[in-house]
């Protein structure tokens, strides 16, 4: 499993999310507002007040956990549809996910995780409120 995170321009979110949802087996995503800045060309830094005030701009962060085989199509959609050709178009990165547990499928996911690691199922997870241990 992998985690795909991306920073895109707010104006690109609709087309990116629409295309992602059309991918077969799309796992879903989380979206949040963030502020960010790009690196300045040739190591330059803002020198006047206007540049300093506009250094950070509104962006959208997209996050999802997906099977390894979905990484390339997801990254391609984000990179293609997030592109405007202007500085500050964003960034996409992928990291390994060791475990994931969908809360709604807690018991099945914990059992699968335990089988994969050889640890007792649910050993590190206390019972939920109202459940008996």
N, C-alpha and C. Protein backbone atom coordinates (compact mmCIF):
# COMPACT_ATOMS: atom_id res chain seq x y z
N UNK A 1 0.84 -1.17 0.00
CA UNK A 1 0.00 0.00 0.00
C UNK A 1 0.89 1.24 0.00
N UNK A 2 0.36 2.29 -0.58
CA UNK A 2 1.07 3.56 -0.67
C UNK A 2 0.16 4.69 -0.24
N UNK A 3 0.79 5.77 0.21
CA UNK A 3 0.07 7.00 0.46
C UNK A 3 0.48 7.98 -0.62
N UNK A 4 -0.50 8.56 -1.27
CA UNK A 4 -0.25 9.58 -2.28
C UNK A 4 -0.74 10.89 -1.70
N UNK A 5 0.14 11.88 -1.70
CA UNK A 5 -0.22 13.23 -1.27
C UNK A 5 0.11 14.17 -2.42
N UNK A 6 -0.69 15.20 -2.52
CA UNK A 6 -0.45 16.18 -3.58
C UNK A 6 -0.88 17.56 -3.11
N UNK A 7 -0.20 18.55 -3.62
CA UNK A 7 -0.58 19.95 -3.44
C UNK A 7 -0.93 20.47 -4.83
N UNK A 8 -2.13 21.02 -4.96
CA UNK A 8 -2.58 21.55 -6.25
C UNK A 8 -3.23 22.91 -6.05
N UNK A 9 -3.39 23.61 -7.13
CA UNK A 9 -4.09 24.89 -7.11
C UNK A 9 -5.59 24.64 -6.84
N UNK A 10 -6.23 25.51 -6.06
CA UNK A 10 -7.66 25.33 -5.79
C UNK A 10 -8.50 25.25 -7.06
N UNK A 11 -8.13 26.02 -8.07
CA UNK A 11 -8.90 26.02 -9.33
C UNK A 11 -8.83 24.68 -10.06
N UNK A 12 -7.87 23.83 -9.71
CA UNK A 12 -7.70 22.54 -10.38
C UNK A 12 -8.37 21.39 -9.64
N UNK A 13 -8.87 21.65 -8.44
CA UNK A 13 -9.41 20.56 -7.62
C UNK A 13 -10.58 19.84 -8.30
N UNK A 14 -11.53 20.56 -8.86
CA UNK A 14 -12.70 19.90 -9.46
C UNK A 14 -12.31 18.93 -10.56
N UNK A 15 -11.46 19.37 -11.48
CA UNK A 15 -11.11 18.47 -12.58
C UNK A 15 -10.27 17.30 -12.11
N UNK A 16 -9.38 17.53 -11.13
CA UNK A 16 -8.56 16.43 -10.59
C UNK A 16 -9.45 15.43 -9.87
N UNK A 17 -10.32 15.91 -8.98
CA UNK A 17 -11.16 14.98 -8.20
C UNK A 17 -12.15 14.24 -9.09
N UNK A 18 -12.71 14.90 -10.09
CA UNK A 18 -13.63 14.22 -11.02
C UNK A 18 -12.93 13.08 -11.75
N UNK A 19 -11.71 13.33 -12.22
CA UNK A 19 -10.96 12.30 -12.95
C UNK A 19 -10.54 11.16 -12.01
N UNK A 20 -10.13 11.50 -10.79
CA UNK A 20 -9.74 10.45 -9.83
C UNK A 20 -10.93 9.54 -9.53
N UNK A 21 -12.10 10.10 -9.33
CA UNK A 21 -13.29 9.30 -9.01
C UNK A 21 -13.68 8.37 -10.15
N UNK A 22 -13.25 8.67 -11.36
CA UNK A 22 -13.57 7.81 -12.50
C UNK A 22 -12.61 6.63 -12.63
N UNK A 23 -11.51 6.65 -11.89
CA UNK A 23 -10.56 5.52 -11.95
C UNK A 23 -11.20 4.29 -11.32
N UNK A 24 -11.14 3.14 -11.99
CA UNK A 24 -11.69 1.91 -11.41
C UNK A 24 -10.99 1.57 -10.10
N UNK A 25 -11.78 1.32 -9.06
CA UNK A 25 -11.22 0.96 -7.76
C UNK A 25 -10.68 2.12 -6.96
N UNK A 26 -11.01 3.35 -7.35
CA UNK A 26 -10.51 4.53 -6.63
C UNK A 26 -10.84 4.40 -5.16
N UNK A 27 -9.85 4.59 -4.26
CA UNK A 27 -10.05 4.34 -2.83
C UNK A 27 -10.65 5.49 -2.03
N UNK A 28 -10.87 6.64 -2.62
CA UNK A 28 -11.34 7.79 -1.87
C UNK A 28 -10.17 8.69 -1.51
N UNK A 29 -10.48 9.88 -1.00
CA UNK A 29 -9.42 10.83 -0.71
C UNK A 29 -9.87 11.80 0.36
N UNK A 30 -8.92 12.45 0.98
CA UNK A 30 -9.15 13.55 1.90
C UNK A 30 -8.61 14.80 1.24
N UNK A 31 -9.29 15.90 1.46
CA UNK A 31 -8.89 17.17 0.85
C UNK A 31 -8.91 18.25 1.93
N UNK A 32 -7.88 19.09 1.93
CA UNK A 32 -7.82 20.18 2.89
C UNK A 32 -7.18 21.41 2.29
N UNK A 33 -7.48 22.55 2.89
CA UNK A 33 -6.88 23.82 2.47
C UNK A 33 -5.55 23.99 3.18
N UNK A 34 -4.55 24.42 2.44
CA UNK A 34 -3.24 24.69 3.00
C UNK A 34 -2.70 25.98 2.40
N UNK A 35 -1.68 26.52 3.01
CA UNK A 35 -0.96 27.68 2.49
C UNK A 35 0.44 27.21 2.15
N UNK A 36 1.00 27.70 1.06
CA UNK A 36 2.34 27.26 0.71
C UNK A 36 3.07 28.28 -0.14
N UNK A 37 4.34 27.99 -0.33
CA UNK A 37 5.16 28.83 -1.20
C UNK A 37 6.10 27.94 -1.98
N UNK A 38 6.46 28.39 -3.14
CA UNK A 38 7.44 27.69 -3.98
C UNK A 38 8.82 28.23 -3.67
N UNK A 39 9.80 27.53 -4.17
CA UNK A 39 11.14 28.08 -4.05
C UNK A 39 11.26 29.22 -5.06
N UNK A 40 12.11 30.16 -4.75
CA UNK A 40 12.30 31.28 -5.65
C UNK A 40 13.35 30.93 -6.68
N UNK A 41 13.20 31.40 -7.91
CA UNK A 41 14.17 31.11 -8.95
C UNK A 41 15.57 31.60 -8.58
N UNK A 42 16.57 30.83 -8.90
CA UNK A 42 17.98 31.20 -8.71
C UNK A 42 18.29 31.59 -7.28
N UNK A 43 17.60 31.02 -6.32
CA UNK A 43 17.90 31.30 -4.92
C UNK A 43 17.49 32.68 -4.45
N UNK A 44 16.70 33.39 -5.23
CA UNK A 44 16.26 34.73 -4.83
C UNK A 44 15.25 34.63 -3.70
N UNK A 45 15.21 35.64 -2.87
CA UNK A 45 14.22 35.75 -1.81
C UNK A 45 13.44 37.04 -2.02
N UNK A 46 12.20 37.11 -1.50
CA UNK A 46 11.44 38.36 -1.67
C UNK A 46 12.16 39.50 -0.96
N UNK A 47 12.23 40.62 -1.62
CA UNK A 47 12.96 41.76 -1.05
C UNK A 47 12.05 42.93 -0.71
N UNK A 48 10.90 43.01 -1.32
CA UNK A 48 10.04 44.15 -1.02
C UNK A 48 8.79 43.65 -0.26
N UNK A 49 8.08 44.54 0.41
CA UNK A 49 6.93 44.13 1.22
C UNK A 49 5.84 43.39 0.43
N UNK A 50 5.60 43.81 -0.80
CA UNK A 50 4.57 43.14 -1.61
C UNK A 50 4.94 41.68 -1.83
N UNK A 51 6.19 41.42 -2.18
CA UNK A 51 6.62 40.03 -2.40
C UNK A 51 6.53 39.23 -1.11
N UNK A 52 6.90 39.84 0.01
CA UNK A 52 6.86 39.14 1.30
C UNK A 52 5.43 38.79 1.68
N UNK A 53 4.48 39.68 1.41
CA UNK A 53 3.08 39.44 1.77
C UNK A 53 2.42 38.39 0.88
N UNK A 54 2.90 38.25 -0.33
CA UNK A 54 2.30 37.29 -1.26
C UNK A 54 3.11 36.01 -1.36
N UNK A 55 4.07 35.85 -0.46
CA UNK A 55 4.93 34.67 -0.52
C UNK A 55 4.12 33.38 -0.39
N UNK A 56 3.12 33.37 0.50
CA UNK A 56 2.30 32.18 0.70
C UNK A 56 1.00 32.33 -0.07
N UNK A 57 0.59 31.26 -0.73
CA UNK A 57 -0.66 31.29 -1.48
C UNK A 57 -1.51 30.09 -1.10
N UNK A 58 -2.80 30.21 -1.32
CA UNK A 58 -3.74 29.14 -1.00
C UNK A 58 -3.54 27.97 -1.95
N UNK A 59 -3.52 26.79 -1.38
CA UNK A 59 -3.39 25.55 -2.15
C UNK A 59 -4.35 24.53 -1.56
N UNK A 60 -4.48 23.41 -2.22
CA UNK A 60 -5.29 22.29 -1.77
C UNK A 60 -4.38 21.08 -1.61
N UNK A 61 -4.51 20.39 -0.46
CA UNK A 61 -3.76 19.15 -0.28
C UNK A 61 -4.74 17.99 -0.45
N UNK A 62 -4.35 17.03 -1.28
CA UNK A 62 -5.12 15.83 -1.53
C UNK A 62 -4.32 14.67 -0.94
N UNK A 63 -4.98 13.79 -0.18
CA UNK A 63 -4.30 12.67 0.43
C UNK A 63 -5.14 11.41 0.23
N UNK A 64 -4.47 10.28 -0.01
CA UNK A 64 -5.16 9.01 -0.12
C UNK A 64 -4.21 7.86 0.12
N UNK A 65 -4.75 6.74 0.55
CA UNK A 65 -4.01 5.50 0.69
C UNK A 65 -4.58 4.56 -0.35
N UNK A 66 -3.70 3.94 -1.14
CA UNK A 66 -4.17 3.11 -2.24
C UNK A 66 -3.28 1.89 -2.44
N UNK A 67 -3.78 0.89 -3.15
CA UNK A 67 -2.94 -0.25 -3.50
C UNK A 67 -1.81 0.20 -4.43
N UNK A 68 -0.70 -0.52 -4.39
CA UNK A 68 0.47 -0.17 -5.20
C UNK A 68 0.14 0.01 -6.68
N UNK A 69 -0.74 -0.84 -7.22
CA UNK A 69 -1.03 -0.79 -8.65
C UNK A 69 -1.82 0.46 -9.06
N UNK A 70 -2.37 1.18 -8.10
CA UNK A 70 -3.12 2.40 -8.43
C UNK A 70 -2.27 3.66 -8.39
N UNK A 71 -1.04 3.55 -7.90
CA UNK A 71 -0.20 4.74 -7.73
C UNK A 71 0.04 5.45 -9.05
N UNK A 72 0.48 4.74 -10.06
CA UNK A 72 0.80 5.39 -11.33
C UNK A 72 -0.40 6.11 -11.96
N UNK A 73 -1.58 5.46 -12.06
CA UNK A 73 -2.72 6.20 -12.63
C UNK A 73 -3.12 7.42 -11.80
N UNK A 74 -3.05 7.30 -10.47
CA UNK A 74 -3.42 8.42 -9.61
C UNK A 74 -2.44 9.58 -9.78
N UNK A 75 -1.15 9.28 -9.75
CA UNK A 75 -0.14 10.33 -9.92
C UNK A 75 -0.27 10.98 -11.29
N UNK A 76 -0.53 10.18 -12.31
CA UNK A 76 -0.67 10.71 -13.68
C UNK A 76 -1.84 11.69 -13.75
N UNK A 77 -2.99 11.32 -13.19
CA UNK A 77 -4.16 12.20 -13.21
C UNK A 77 -3.85 13.53 -12.52
N UNK A 78 -3.26 13.44 -11.33
CA UNK A 78 -2.96 14.67 -10.58
C UNK A 78 -1.96 15.54 -11.34
N UNK A 79 -0.89 14.92 -11.85
CA UNK A 79 0.13 15.69 -12.55
C UNK A 79 -0.40 16.29 -13.85
N UNK A 80 -1.20 15.54 -14.59
CA UNK A 80 -1.73 16.04 -15.86
C UNK A 80 -2.78 17.14 -15.66
N UNK A 81 -3.72 16.91 -14.75
CA UNK A 81 -4.83 17.84 -14.60
C UNK A 81 -4.53 18.98 -13.63
N UNK A 82 -3.47 18.86 -12.83
CA UNK A 82 -3.06 19.94 -11.96
C UNK A 82 -2.12 20.93 -12.64
N UNK A 83 -1.64 20.58 -13.82
CA UNK A 83 -0.64 21.37 -14.54
C UNK A 83 -1.25 22.61 -15.18
N UNK A 84 -0.64 23.77 -14.93
CA UNK A 84 -1.01 25.00 -15.64
C UNK A 84 0.20 25.56 -16.39
N UNK A 85 1.39 25.09 -16.03
CA UNK A 85 2.60 25.62 -16.64
C UNK A 85 3.18 26.80 -15.89
N UNK A 86 2.54 27.18 -14.78
CA UNK A 86 3.01 28.32 -14.00
C UNK A 86 3.72 27.83 -12.74
N UNK A 87 4.64 28.64 -12.24
CA UNK A 87 5.29 28.31 -10.97
C UNK A 87 4.22 28.18 -9.90
N UNK A 88 4.37 27.21 -9.02
CA UNK A 88 3.40 27.00 -7.95
C UNK A 88 2.29 26.04 -8.32
N UNK A 89 2.46 25.27 -9.42
CA UNK A 89 1.44 24.28 -9.80
C UNK A 89 1.26 23.20 -8.74
N UNK A 90 2.28 22.92 -7.95
CA UNK A 90 2.12 21.95 -6.88
C UNK A 90 3.16 20.86 -6.89
N UNK A 91 2.83 19.78 -6.20
CA UNK A 91 3.77 18.70 -5.97
C UNK A 91 2.97 17.43 -5.69
N UNK A 92 3.49 16.28 -6.12
CA UNK A 92 2.89 14.99 -5.80
C UNK A 92 4.00 14.13 -5.24
N UNK A 93 3.72 13.42 -4.12
CA UNK A 93 4.71 12.50 -3.58
C UNK A 93 4.03 11.24 -3.06
N UNK A 94 4.80 10.17 -3.00
CA UNK A 94 4.29 8.85 -2.64
C UNK A 94 5.16 8.27 -1.55
N UNK A 95 4.53 7.72 -0.51
CA UNK A 95 5.26 7.07 0.57
C UNK A 95 4.67 5.69 0.83
N UNK A 96 5.48 4.82 1.43
CA UNK A 96 5.02 3.49 1.79
C UNK A 96 4.08 3.56 2.99
N UNK A 97 3.10 2.68 3.00
CA UNK A 97 2.20 2.53 4.14
C UNK A 97 2.40 1.12 4.68
N UNK A 98 2.76 1.03 5.94
CA UNK A 98 3.00 -0.28 6.53
C UNK A 98 1.69 -0.96 6.91
N UNK A 99 0.79 -0.22 7.51
CA UNK A 99 -0.52 -0.75 7.89
C UNK A 99 -1.57 0.31 7.64
N UNK A 100 -2.78 -0.16 7.39
CA UNK A 100 -3.92 0.75 7.36
C UNK A 100 -5.11 -0.03 7.89
N UNK A 101 -5.92 0.63 8.66
CA UNK A 101 -7.13 0.03 9.22
C UNK A 101 -8.29 0.97 8.92
N UNK A 102 -9.25 0.48 8.14
CA UNK A 102 -10.48 1.25 7.94
C UNK A 102 -11.31 1.07 9.19
N UNK A 103 -11.70 2.13 9.82
CA UNK A 103 -12.40 2.05 11.09
C UNK A 103 -13.66 1.19 10.98
N UNK A 104 -14.39 1.32 9.89
CA UNK A 104 -15.63 0.56 9.71
C UNK A 104 -15.34 -0.94 9.60
N UNK A 105 -14.16 -1.30 9.14
CA UNK A 105 -13.78 -2.71 8.97
C UNK A 105 -12.70 -3.09 9.96
N UNK A 106 -12.70 -2.48 11.12
CA UNK A 106 -11.65 -2.62 12.12
C UNK A 106 -11.25 -4.07 12.37
N UNK A 107 -12.20 -4.92 12.70
CA UNK A 107 -11.88 -6.30 13.09
C UNK A 107 -11.22 -7.07 11.95
N UNK A 108 -11.77 -6.97 10.75
CA UNK A 108 -11.20 -7.70 9.62
C UNK A 108 -9.81 -7.17 9.27
N UNK A 109 -9.63 -5.86 9.29
CA UNK A 109 -8.34 -5.28 8.97
C UNK A 109 -7.30 -5.61 10.03
N UNK A 110 -7.69 -5.58 11.30
CA UNK A 110 -6.74 -5.93 12.36
C UNK A 110 -6.35 -7.39 12.28
N UNK A 111 -7.30 -8.26 11.95
CA UNK A 111 -6.99 -9.69 11.82
C UNK A 111 -6.03 -9.91 10.65
N UNK A 112 -6.25 -9.23 9.54
CA UNK A 112 -5.35 -9.37 8.38
C UNK A 112 -3.97 -8.83 8.72
N UNK A 113 -3.91 -7.73 9.43
CA UNK A 113 -2.63 -7.15 9.83
C UNK A 113 -1.90 -8.11 10.76
N UNK A 114 -2.62 -8.72 11.70
CA UNK A 114 -2.00 -9.66 12.63
C UNK A 114 -1.46 -10.88 11.89
N UNK A 115 -2.22 -11.37 10.93
CA UNK A 115 -1.77 -12.53 10.15
C UNK A 115 -0.50 -12.20 9.38
N UNK A 116 -0.43 -10.99 8.85
CA UNK A 116 0.74 -10.59 8.06
C UNK A 116 1.98 -10.39 8.92
N UNK A 117 1.78 -9.94 10.16
CA UNK A 117 2.93 -9.64 11.02
C UNK A 117 3.22 -10.73 12.04
N UNK A 118 2.29 -11.68 12.20
CA UNK A 118 2.49 -12.75 13.17
C UNK A 118 2.16 -12.35 14.59
N UNK A 119 1.53 -11.18 14.79
CA UNK A 119 1.16 -10.75 16.14
C UNK A 119 -0.30 -11.10 16.38
N UNK A 120 -0.71 -11.20 17.65
CA UNK A 120 -2.11 -11.52 17.93
C UNK A 120 -3.04 -10.44 17.42
N UNK A 121 -4.16 -10.84 16.85
CA UNK A 121 -5.12 -9.88 16.31
C UNK A 121 -5.64 -8.97 17.40
N UNK A 122 -5.57 -7.66 17.15
CA UNK A 122 -6.12 -6.69 18.08
C UNK A 122 -5.32 -6.52 19.35
N UNK A 123 -4.12 -7.09 19.43
CA UNK A 123 -3.34 -7.06 20.67
C UNK A 123 -3.06 -5.63 21.13
N UNK A 124 -2.82 -4.73 20.21
CA UNK A 124 -2.45 -3.37 20.60
C UNK A 124 -3.64 -2.43 20.62
N UNK A 125 -4.84 -2.95 20.35
CA UNK A 125 -6.00 -2.09 20.26
C UNK A 125 -6.94 -2.38 21.42
N UNK A 126 -7.19 -1.40 22.31
CA UNK A 126 -8.12 -1.64 23.41
C UNK A 126 -9.54 -1.75 22.89
N UNK A 127 -10.43 -2.41 23.64
CA UNK A 127 -11.83 -2.50 23.19
C UNK A 127 -12.48 -1.13 23.14
N UNK A 128 -13.44 -0.99 22.25
CA UNK A 128 -14.18 0.25 22.13
C UNK A 128 -15.08 0.43 23.34
N UNK A 129 -15.53 1.65 23.57
CA UNK A 129 -16.43 1.93 24.70
C UNK A 129 -17.65 1.03 24.61
N UNK A 130 -17.99 0.41 25.70
CA UNK A 130 -19.16 -0.45 25.73
C UNK A 130 -18.88 -1.88 25.33
N UNK A 131 -17.68 -2.17 24.82
CA UNK A 131 -17.31 -3.53 24.44
C UNK A 131 -16.62 -4.21 25.62
N UNK A 132 -16.79 -5.49 25.68
CA UNK A 132 -16.07 -6.24 26.72
C UNK A 132 -14.75 -6.73 26.12
N UNK A 133 -13.71 -6.75 26.93
CA UNK A 133 -12.41 -7.17 26.41
C UNK A 133 -12.36 -8.65 26.07
